[in-house]
């Protein structure tokens, strides 16, 4: 079942949405941290106020990685639990995973 179909479970949509927003926040936090680092390097000051932005990047990255792991784990579990005729083990591949 596709995640964006009307019949998809709410958990799928919630994790997809949270993962997407965490990814967007990660990109913006990383861009901001890089820009602040460049400004600090050009100004050549001794303050390290830009370090906070890198801590934010690391925190958001950890949250995004956790959400992506949950997102990738959920469909595999639902196929095995639902009794559908789909692959449950990692060594069994779907038709689109096989070479031509």
Protein backbone atom coordinates (compact mmCIF):
# COMPACT_ATOMS: atom_id res chain seq x y z
CA UNK A 1 0.00 0.00 0.00
CA UNK A 2 1.32 3.42 -0.89
CA UNK A 3 1.87 5.83 1.95
CA UNK A 4 -0.11 8.63 0.32
CA UNK A 5 -3.21 6.69 -0.65
CA UNK A 6 -6.44 7.59 1.14
CA UNK A 7 -6.56 4.12 2.75
CA UNK A 8 -3.04 4.34 4.17
CA UNK A 9 -2.73 4.07 7.92
CA UNK A 10 -2.34 7.39 9.77
CA UNK A 11 0.99 6.26 11.27
CA UNK A 12 2.55 6.11 7.82
CA UNK A 13 1.44 9.62 6.94
CA UNK A 14 2.53 10.99 10.30
CA UNK A 15 6.04 9.52 10.06
CA UNK A 16 6.35 10.57 6.41
CA UNK A 17 5.38 14.13 7.25
CA UNK A 18 7.66 14.30 10.30
CA UNK A 19 10.56 12.83 8.31
CA UNK A 20 10.06 15.31 5.49
CA UNK A 21 9.93 18.31 7.86
CA UNK A 22 12.98 17.06 9.78
CA UNK A 23 14.84 16.77 6.47
CA UNK A 24 13.87 20.31 5.50
CA UNK A 25 14.90 21.62 8.91
CA UNK A 26 18.18 19.71 8.62
CA UNK A 27 18.98 21.35 5.28
CA UNK A 28 18.22 24.84 6.55
CA UNK A 29 20.12 24.32 9.82
CA UNK A 30 23.15 23.04 7.90
CA UNK A 31 23.06 25.97 5.48
CA UNK A 32 22.77 28.41 8.38
CA UNK A 33 25.66 26.76 10.24
CA UNK A 34 27.88 26.94 7.16
CA UNK A 35 26.99 30.60 6.57
CA UNK A 36 27.68 31.52 10.20
CA UNK A 37 31.01 29.70 10.05
CA UNK A 38 32.00 31.64 6.93
CA UNK A 39 31.00 34.93 8.53
CA UNK A 40 33.02 34.06 11.63
CA UNK A 41 36.05 33.13 9.52
CA UNK A 42 35.85 36.37 7.55
CA UNK A 43 35.47 38.52 10.65
CA UNK A 44 38.32 36.63 12.37
CA UNK A 45 36.95 37.05 15.88
CA UNK A 46 37.59 34.85 18.88
CA UNK A 47 33.93 34.25 19.70
CA UNK A 48 32.46 30.84 19.04
CA UNK A 49 28.77 31.74 18.86
CA UNK A 50 28.41 29.83 15.58
CA UNK A 51 29.12 26.52 17.40
CA UNK A 52 25.52 26.49 18.64
CA UNK A 53 24.30 26.13 15.05
CA UNK A 54 26.47 23.04 14.56
CA UNK A 55 25.02 21.49 17.72
CA UNK A 56 21.57 22.16 16.25
CA UNK A 57 22.61 20.43 13.01
CA UNK A 58 23.81 17.36 14.91
CA UNK A 59 20.59 17.21 16.96
CA UNK A 60 18.32 17.57 13.94
CA UNK A 61 20.37 14.99 12.03
CA UNK A 62 19.92 12.47 14.84
CA UNK A 63 16.17 13.09 14.88
CA UNK A 64 15.94 12.81 11.09
CA UNK A 65 17.94 9.55 11.06
CA UNK A 66 15.65 8.06 13.71
CA UNK A 67 12.54 9.08 11.78
CA UNK A 68 13.92 7.64 8.52
CA UNK A 69 14.71 4.35 10.26
CA UNK A 70 11.15 4.19 11.57
CA UNK A 71 9.81 5.10 8.13
CA UNK A 72 11.76 2.35 6.41
CA UNK A 73 10.93 -0.24 9.08
CA UNK A 74 7.17 0.27 9.14
CA UNK A 75 6.14 -1.03 5.68
CA UNK A 76 8.20 -4.21 6.08
CA UNK A 77 6.52 -5.00 9.40
CA UNK A 78 3.03 -4.33 8.08
CA UNK A 79 3.53 -6.67 5.10
CA UNK A 80 4.60 -9.49 7.42
CA UNK A 81 1.91 -8.97 10.02
CA UNK A 82 -0.97 -8.47 7.62
CA UNK A 83 -0.69 -11.95 6.13
CA UNK A 84 -0.28 -10.52 2.65
CA UNK A 85 1.64 -12.49 0.05
CA UNK A 86 4.63 -10.20 0.17
CA UNK A 87 8.27 -10.71 1.09
CA UNK A 88 8.91 -10.67 4.84
CA UNK A 89 12.57 -11.51 4.94
CA UNK A 90 15.32 -9.14 3.74
CA UNK A 91 16.78 -11.77 1.41
CA UNK A 92 13.49 -12.03 -0.47
CA UNK A 93 13.29 -9.20 -2.98
CA UNK A 94 10.40 -7.49 -4.68
CA UNK A 95 10.09 -7.59 -8.46
CA UNK A 96 11.56 -4.10 -8.78
CA UNK A 97 14.69 -5.08 -6.81
CA UNK A 98 15.70 -7.80 -9.25
CA UNK A 99 18.00 -7.18 -12.20
CA UNK A 100 16.53 -7.39 -15.69
